[in-house]
PDB file of all heavy atoms in Angstrom:
ATOM      1  N   PHE A   1      13.443  21.059 -38.152  1.00  0.00           N
ATOM      2  CA  PHE A   1      14.201  21.736 -37.097  1.00  0.00           C
ATOM      3  C   PHE A   1      15.671  21.878 -37.498  1.00  0.00           C
ATOM      4  O   PHE A   1      16.270  22.955 -37.366  1.00  0.00           O
ATOM      5  CB  PHE A   1      14.081  20.946 -35.800  1.00  0.00           C
ATOM      6  CG  PHE A   1      14.646  21.644 -34.599  1.00  0.00           C
ATOM      7  CD1 PHE A   1      13.983  22.710 -34.023  1.00  0.00           C
ATOM      8  CD2 PHE A   1      15.848  21.241 -34.050  1.00  0.00           C
ATOM      9  CE1 PHE A   1      14.504  23.369 -32.916  1.00  0.00           C
ATOM     10  CE2 PHE A   1      16.374  21.889 -32.947  1.00  0.00           C
ATOM     11  CZ  PHE A   1      15.700  22.950 -32.378  1.00  0.00           C
ATOM     12  N   VAL A   2      16.254  20.790 -38.007  1.00  0.00           N
ATOM     13  CA  VAL A   2      17.655  20.812 -38.448  1.00  0.00           C
ATOM     14  C   VAL A   2      17.823  21.786 -39.612  1.00  0.00           C
ATOM     15  O   VAL A   2      18.804  22.539 -39.677  1.00  0.00           O
ATOM     16  CB  VAL A   2      18.112  19.396 -38.866  1.00  0.00           C
ATOM     17  CG1 VAL A   2      19.487  19.443 -39.537  1.00  0.00           C
ATOM     18  CG2 VAL A   2      18.157  18.477 -37.653  1.00  0.00           C
ATOM     19  N   GLU A   3      16.844  21.803 -40.527  1.00  0.00           N
ATOM     20  CA  GLU A   3      16.900  22.691 -41.689  1.00  0.00           C
ATOM     21  C   GLU A   3      16.899  24.158 -41.273  1.00  0.00           C
ATOM     22  O   GLU A   3      17.669  24.968 -41.793  1.00  0.00           O
ATOM     23  CB  GLU A   3      15.695  22.402 -42.593  1.00  0.00           C
ATOM     24  CG  GLU A   3      15.681  23.183 -43.886  1.00  0.00           C
ATOM     25  CD  GLU A   3      14.460  22.880 -44.730  1.00  0.00           C
ATOM     26  OE1 GLU A   3      13.956  21.736 -44.648  1.00  0.00           O
ATOM     27  OE2 GLU A   3      14.008  23.780 -45.458  1.00  0.00           O
ATOM     28  N   ILE A   4      16.031  24.502 -40.310  1.00  0.00           N
ATOM     29  CA  ILE A   4      15.953  25.889 -39.839  1.00  0.00           C
ATOM     30  C   ILE A   4      17.231  26.288 -39.108  1.00  0.00           C
ATOM     31  O   ILE A   4      17.745  27.406 -39.283  1.00  0.00           O
ATOM     32  CB  ILE A   4      14.722  26.071 -38.931  1.00  0.00           C
ATOM     33  CG1 ILE A   4      13.450  26.078 -39.774  1.00  0.00           C
ATOM     34  CG2 ILE A   4      14.810  27.373 -38.134  1.00  0.00           C
ATOM     35  CD1 ILE A   4      12.172  26.208 -38.973  1.00  0.00           C
ATOM     36  N   LEU A   5      17.767  25.385 -38.292  1.00  0.00           N
ATOM     37  CA  LEU A   5      19.010  25.688 -37.574  1.00  0.00           C
ATOM     38  C   LEU A   5      20.169  25.902 -38.539  1.00  0.00           C
ATOM     39  O   LEU A   5      21.001  26.798 -38.341  1.00  0.00           O
ATOM     40  CB  LEU A   5      19.334  24.559 -36.597  1.00  0.00           C
ATOM     41  CG  LEU A   5      18.436  24.443 -35.349  1.00  0.00           C
ATOM     42  CD1 LEU A   5      18.897  23.296 -34.472  1.00  0.00           C
ATOM     43  CD2 LEU A   5      18.457  25.745 -34.547  1.00  0.00           C
ATOM     44  N   LYS A   6      20.252  25.085 -39.585  1.00  0.00           N
ATOM     45  CA  LYS A   6      21.306  25.250 -40.598  1.00  0.00           C
ATOM     46  C   LYS A   6      21.175  26.586 -41.319  1.00  0.00           C
ATOM     47  O   LYS A   6      22.157  27.273 -41.574  1.00  0.00           O
ATOM     48  CB  LYS A   6      21.240  24.100 -41.615  1.00  0.00           C
ATOM     49  CG  LYS A   6      21.797  22.783 -41.106  1.00  0.00           C
ATOM     50  CD  LYS A   6      21.755  21.719 -42.197  1.00  0.00           C
ATOM     51  CE  LYS A   6      22.384  20.411 -41.708  1.00  0.00           C
ATOM     52  NZ  LYS A   6      22.325  19.351 -42.750  1.00  0.00           N
ATOM     53  N   ARG A   7      19.906  26.959 -41.621  1.00  0.00           N
ATOM     54  CA  ARG A   7      19.663  28.226 -42.305  1.00  0.00           C
ATOM     55  C   ARG A   7      20.059  29.412 -41.420  1.00  0.00           C
ATOM     56  O   ARG A   7      20.663  30.378 -41.894  1.00  0.00           O
ATOM     57  CB  ARG A   7      18.189  28.313 -42.677  1.00  0.00           C
ATOM     58  CG  ARG A   7      17.849  29.511 -43.565  1.00  0.00           C
ATOM     59  CD  ARG A   7      16.384  29.505 -43.921  1.00  0.00           C
ATOM     60  NE  ARG A   7      16.024  28.287 -44.640  1.00  0.00           N
ATOM     61  CZ  ARG A   7      14.770  27.956 -44.918  1.00  0.00           C
ATOM     62  NH1 ARG A   7      13.774  28.726 -44.509  1.00  0.00           N
ATOM     63  NH2 ARG A   7      14.511  26.853 -45.582  1.00  0.00           N
ATOM     64  N   LYS A   8      19.721  29.322 -40.124  1.00  0.00           N
ATOM     65  CA  LYS A   8      20.084  30.396 -39.192  1.00  0.00           C
ATOM     66  C   LYS A   8      21.600  30.506 -39.049  1.00  0.00           C
ATOM     67  O   LYS A   8      22.154  31.599 -38.979  1.00  0.00           O
ATOM     68  CB  LYS A   8      19.452  30.144 -37.819  1.00  0.00           C
ATOM     69  CG  LYS A   8      17.939  30.347 -37.800  1.00  0.00           C
ATOM     70  CD  LYS A   8      17.376  30.225 -36.405  1.00  0.00           C
ATOM     71  CE  LYS A   8      17.752  31.412 -35.552  1.00  0.00           C
ATOM     72  NZ  LYS A   8      17.110  31.384 -34.228  1.00  0.00           N
ATOM     73  N   LYS A   9      22.275  29.351 -39.028  1.00  0.00           N
ATOM     74  CA  LYS A   9      23.734  29.339 -38.924  1.00  0.00           C
ATOM     75  C   LYS A   9      24.374  29.956 -40.162  1.00  0.00           C
ATOM     76  O   LYS A   9      25.336  30.730 -40.073  1.00  0.00           O
ATOM     77  CB  LYS A   9      24.223  27.896 -38.742  1.00  0.00           C
ATOM     78  CG  LYS A   9      25.689  27.779 -38.380  1.00  0.00           C
ATOM     79  CD  LYS A   9      26.047  26.323 -38.102  1.00  0.00           C
ATOM     80  CE  LYS A   9      27.518  26.203 -37.708  1.00  0.00           C
ATOM     81  NZ  LYS A   9      27.892  24.788 -37.448  1.00  0.00           N
ATOM     82  N   LEU A  10      23.809  29.632 -41.347  1.00  0.00           N
ATOM     83  CA  LEU A  10      24.316  30.191 -42.597  1.00  0.00           C
ATOM     84  C   LEU A  10      24.100  31.694 -42.648  1.00  0.00           C
ATOM     85  O   LEU A  10      25.003  32.448 -43.048  1.00  0.00           O
ATOM     86  CB  LEU A  10      23.613  29.508 -43.781  1.00  0.00           C
ATOM     87  CG  LEU A  10      24.009  29.980 -45.186  1.00  0.00           C
ATOM     88  CD1 LEU A  10      25.498  29.725 -45.426  1.00  0.00           C
ATOM     89  CD2 LEU A  10      23.175  29.281 -46.249  1.00  0.00           C
ATOM     90  N   LEU A  11      22.908  32.162 -42.227  1.00  0.00           N
ATOM     91  CA  LEU A  11      22.632  33.598 -42.207  1.00  0.00           C
ATOM     92  C   LEU A  11      23.562  34.331 -41.248  1.00  0.00           C
ATOM     93  O   LEU A  11      24.012  35.450 -41.532  1.00  0.00           O
ATOM     94  CB  LEU A  11      21.172  33.832 -41.799  1.00  0.00           C
ATOM     95  CG  LEU A  11      20.098  33.516 -42.859  1.00  0.00           C
ATOM     96  CD1 LEU A  11      18.711  33.629 -42.250  1.00  0.00           C
ATOM     97  CD2 LEU A  11      20.239  34.451 -44.055  1.00  0.00           C
ATOM     98  N   ARG A  12      23.856  33.684 -40.101  1.00  0.00           N
ATOM     99  CA  ARG A  12      24.767  34.298 -39.138  1.00  0.00           C
ATOM    100  C   ARG A  12      26.167  34.456 -39.742  1.00  0.00           C
ATOM    101  O   ARG A  12      26.835  35.477 -39.556  1.00  0.00           O
ATOM    102  CB  ARG A  12      24.825  33.431 -37.878  1.00  0.00           C
ATOM    103  CG  ARG A  12      25.384  34.181 -36.658  1.00  0.00           C
ATOM    104  CD  ARG A  12      25.394  33.310 -35.417  1.00  0.00           C
ATOM    105  NE  ARG A  12      24.054  32.911 -35.021  1.00  0.00           N
ATOM    106  CZ  ARG A  12      23.618  31.663 -35.007  1.00  0.00           C
ATOM    107  NH1 ARG A  12      24.410  30.677 -35.388  1.00  0.00           N
ATOM    108  NH2 ARG A  12      22.398  31.391 -34.625  1.00  0.00           N
ATOM    109  N   LYS A  13      26.601  33.429 -40.486  1.00  0.00           N
ATOM    110  CA  LYS A  13      27.919  33.493 -41.128  1.00  0.00           C
ATOM    111  C   LYS A  13      27.953  34.576 -42.199  1.00  0.00           C
ATOM    112  O   LYS A  13      28.923  35.326 -42.319  1.00  0.00           O
ATOM    113  CB  LYS A  13      28.262  32.138 -41.752  1.00  0.00           C
ATOM    114  CG  LYS A  13      28.668  31.075 -40.749  1.00  0.00           C
ATOM    115  CD  LYS A  13      29.054  29.782 -41.462  1.00  0.00           C
ATOM    116  CE  LYS A  13      29.508  28.716 -40.466  1.00  0.00           C
ATOM    117  NZ  LYS A  13      29.885  27.454 -41.163  1.00  0.00           N
ATOM    118  N   LEU A  14      26.859  34.667 -42.992  1.00  0.00           N
ATOM    119  CA  LEU A  14      26.797  35.679 -44.042  1.00  0.00           C
ATOM    120  C   LEU A  14      26.789  37.083 -43.457  1.00  0.00           C
ATOM    121  O   LEU A  14      27.437  37.993 -43.982  1.00  0.00           O
ATOM    122  CB  LEU A  14      25.542  35.454 -44.896  1.00  0.00           C
ATOM    123  CG  LEU A  14      25.546  34.205 -45.792  1.00  0.00           C
ATOM    124  CD1 LEU A  14      24.181  34.021 -46.450  1.00  0.00           C
ATOM    125  CD2 LEU A  14      26.633  34.310 -46.859  1.00  0.00           C
ATOM    126  N   ASN A  15      26.039  37.265 -42.365  1.00  0.00           N
ATOM    127  CA  ASN A  15      26.006  38.581 -41.710  1.00  0.00           C
ATOM    128  C   ASN A  15      27.358  38.951 -41.135  1.00  0.00           C
ATOM    129  O   ASN A  15      27.785  40.107 -41.217  1.00  0.00           O
ATOM    130  CB  ASN A  15      24.954  38.577 -40.596  1.00  0.00           C
ATOM    131  CG  ASN A  15      23.540  38.518 -41.143  1.00  0.00           C
ATOM    132  OD1 ASN A  15      23.284  38.935 -42.261  1.00  0.00           O
ATOM    133  ND2 ASN A  15      22.613  37.981 -40.364  1.00  0.00           N
ATOM    134  N   THR A  16      28.048  37.959 -40.553  1.00  0.00           N
ATOM    135  CA  THR A  16      29.390  38.202 -40.004  1.00  0.00           C
ATOM    136  C   THR A  16      30.366  38.565 -41.107  1.00  0.00           C
ATOM    137  O   THR A  16      31.166  39.499 -40.977  1.00  0.00           O
ATOM    138  CB  THR A  16      29.889  36.944 -39.251  1.00  0.00           C
ATOM    139  OG1 THR A  16      28.957  36.594 -38.242  1.00  0.00           O
ATOM    140  CG2 THR A  16      31.236  37.213 -38.625  1.00  0.00           C
ATOM    141  N   ALA A  17      30.276  37.819 -42.232  1.00  0.00           N
ATOM    142  CA  ALA A  17      31.171  38.085 -43.360  1.00  0.00           C
ATOM    143  C   ALA A  17      30.911  39.470 -43.942  1.00  0.00           C
ATOM    144  O   ALA A  17      31.840  40.210 -44.282  1.00  0.00           O
ATOM    145  CB  ALA A  17      30.977  37.013 -44.430  1.00  0.00           C
ATOM    146  N   SER A  18      29.616  39.840 -44.037  1.00  0.00           N
ATOM    147  CA  SER A  18      29.253  41.159 -44.560  1.00  0.00           C
ATOM    148  C   SER A  18      29.759  42.267 -43.649  1.00  0.00           C
ATOM    149  O   SER A  18      30.253  43.301 -44.121  1.00  0.00           O
ATOM    150  CB  SER A  18      27.736  41.247 -44.699  1.00  0.00           C
ATOM    151  OG  SER A  18      27.343  42.529 -45.124  1.00  0.00           O
ATOM    152  N   PHE A  19      29.660  42.035 -42.327  1.00  0.00           N
ATOM    153  CA  PHE A  19      30.136  43.026 -41.359  1.00  0.00           C
ATOM    154  C   PHE A  19      31.648  43.203 -41.458  1.00  0.00           C
ATOM    155  O   PHE A  19      32.163  44.323 -41.434  1.00  0.00           O
ATOM    156  CB  PHE A  19      29.745  42.584 -39.947  1.00  0.00           C
ATOM    157  CG  PHE A  19      30.236  43.499 -38.861  1.00  0.00           C
ATOM    158  CD1 PHE A  19      29.628  44.730 -38.639  1.00  0.00           C
ATOM    159  CD2 PHE A  19      31.328  43.145 -38.067  1.00  0.00           C
ATOM    160  CE1 PHE A  19      30.081  45.578 -37.648  1.00  0.00           C
ATOM    161  CE2 PHE A  19      31.790  43.981 -37.080  1.00  0.00           C
ATOM    162  CZ  PHE A  19      31.165  45.206 -36.870  1.00  0.00           C
ATOM    163  N   VAL A  20      32.379  42.088 -41.589  1.00  0.00           N
ATOM    164  CA  VAL A  20      33.837  42.142 -41.696  1.00  0.00           C
ATOM    165  C   VAL A  20      34.251  42.874 -42.963  1.00  0.00           C
ATOM    166  O   VAL A  20      35.174  43.699 -42.955  1.00  0.00           O
ATOM    167  CB  VAL A  20      34.434  40.709 -41.686  1.00  0.00           C
ATOM    168  CG1 VAL A  20      35.914  40.745 -42.025  1.00  0.00           C
ATOM    169  CG2 VAL A  20      34.216  40.059 -40.333  1.00  0.00           C
ATOM    170  N   GLU A  21      33.547  42.591 -44.087  1.00  0.00           N
ATOM    171  CA  GLU A  21      33.856  43.265 -45.351  1.00  0.00           C
ATOM    172  C   GLU A  21      33.621  44.768 -45.237  1.00  0.00           C
ATOM    173  O   GLU A  21      34.389  45.577 -45.755  1.00  0.00           O
ATOM    174  CB  GLU A  21      32.986  42.688 -46.471  1.00  0.00           C
ATOM    175  CG  GLU A  21      33.405  41.292 -46.917  1.00  0.00           C
ATOM    176  CD  GLU A  21      32.487  40.744 -47.992  1.00  0.00           C
ATOM    177  OE1 GLU A  21      31.583  41.493 -48.440  1.00  0.00           O
ATOM    178  OE2 GLU A  21      32.667  39.583 -48.388  1.00  0.00           O
ATOM    179  N   LYS A  22      32.547  45.138 -44.534  1.00  0.00           N
ATOM    180  CA  LYS A  22      32.241  46.546 -44.367  1.00  0.00           C
ATOM    181  C   LYS A  22      33.322  47.244 -43.555  1.00  0.00           C
ATOM    182  O   LYS A  22      33.764  48.353 -43.893  1.00  0.00           O
ATOM    183  CB  LYS A  22      30.875  46.698 -43.680  1.00  0.00           C
ATOM    184  CG  LYS A  22      30.363  48.132 -43.633  1.00  0.00           C
ATOM    185  CD  LYS A  22      29.026  48.201 -42.917  1.00  0.00           C
ATOM    186  CE  LYS A  22      27.943  47.505 -43.723  1.00  0.00           C
ATOM    187  NZ  LYS A  22      26.615  47.687 -43.096  1.00  0.00           N
ATOM    188  N   ILE A  23      33.773  46.600 -42.486  1.00  0.00           N
ATOM    189  CA  ILE A  23      34.825  47.166 -41.626  1.00  0.00           C
ATOM    190  C   ILE A  23      36.132  47.296 -42.409  1.00  0.00           C
ATOM    191  O   ILE A  23      36.810  48.328 -42.356  1.00  0.00           O
ATOM    192  CB  ILE A  23      35.041  46.298 -40.371  1.00  0.00           C
ATOM    193  CG1 ILE A  23      33.787  46.333 -39.487  1.00  0.00           C
ATOM    194  CG2 ILE A  23      36.263  46.772 -39.594  1.00  0.00           C
ATOM    195  CD1 ILE A  23      33.462  47.701 -38.917  1.00  0.00           C
ATOM    196  N   CYS A  24      36.450  46.225 -43.135  1.00  0.00           N
ATOM    197  CA  CYS A  24      37.687  46.239 -43.917  1.00  0.00           C
ATOM    198  C   CYS A  24      37.630  47.317 -44.996  1.00  0.00           C
ATOM    199  O   CYS A  24      38.627  47.997 -45.278  1.00  0.00           O
ATOM    200  CB  CYS A  24      37.932  44.897 -44.573  1.00  0.00           C
ATOM    201  SG  CYS A  24      38.334  43.595 -43.375  1.00  0.00           S
TER     202      CYS A  24
END
């Protein structure tokens, strides 16, 4: 459960970073 939550959190950060890079 902890492993999946960490993975989801990491994916959310990567998606946010990718979105910010695209906007910039």
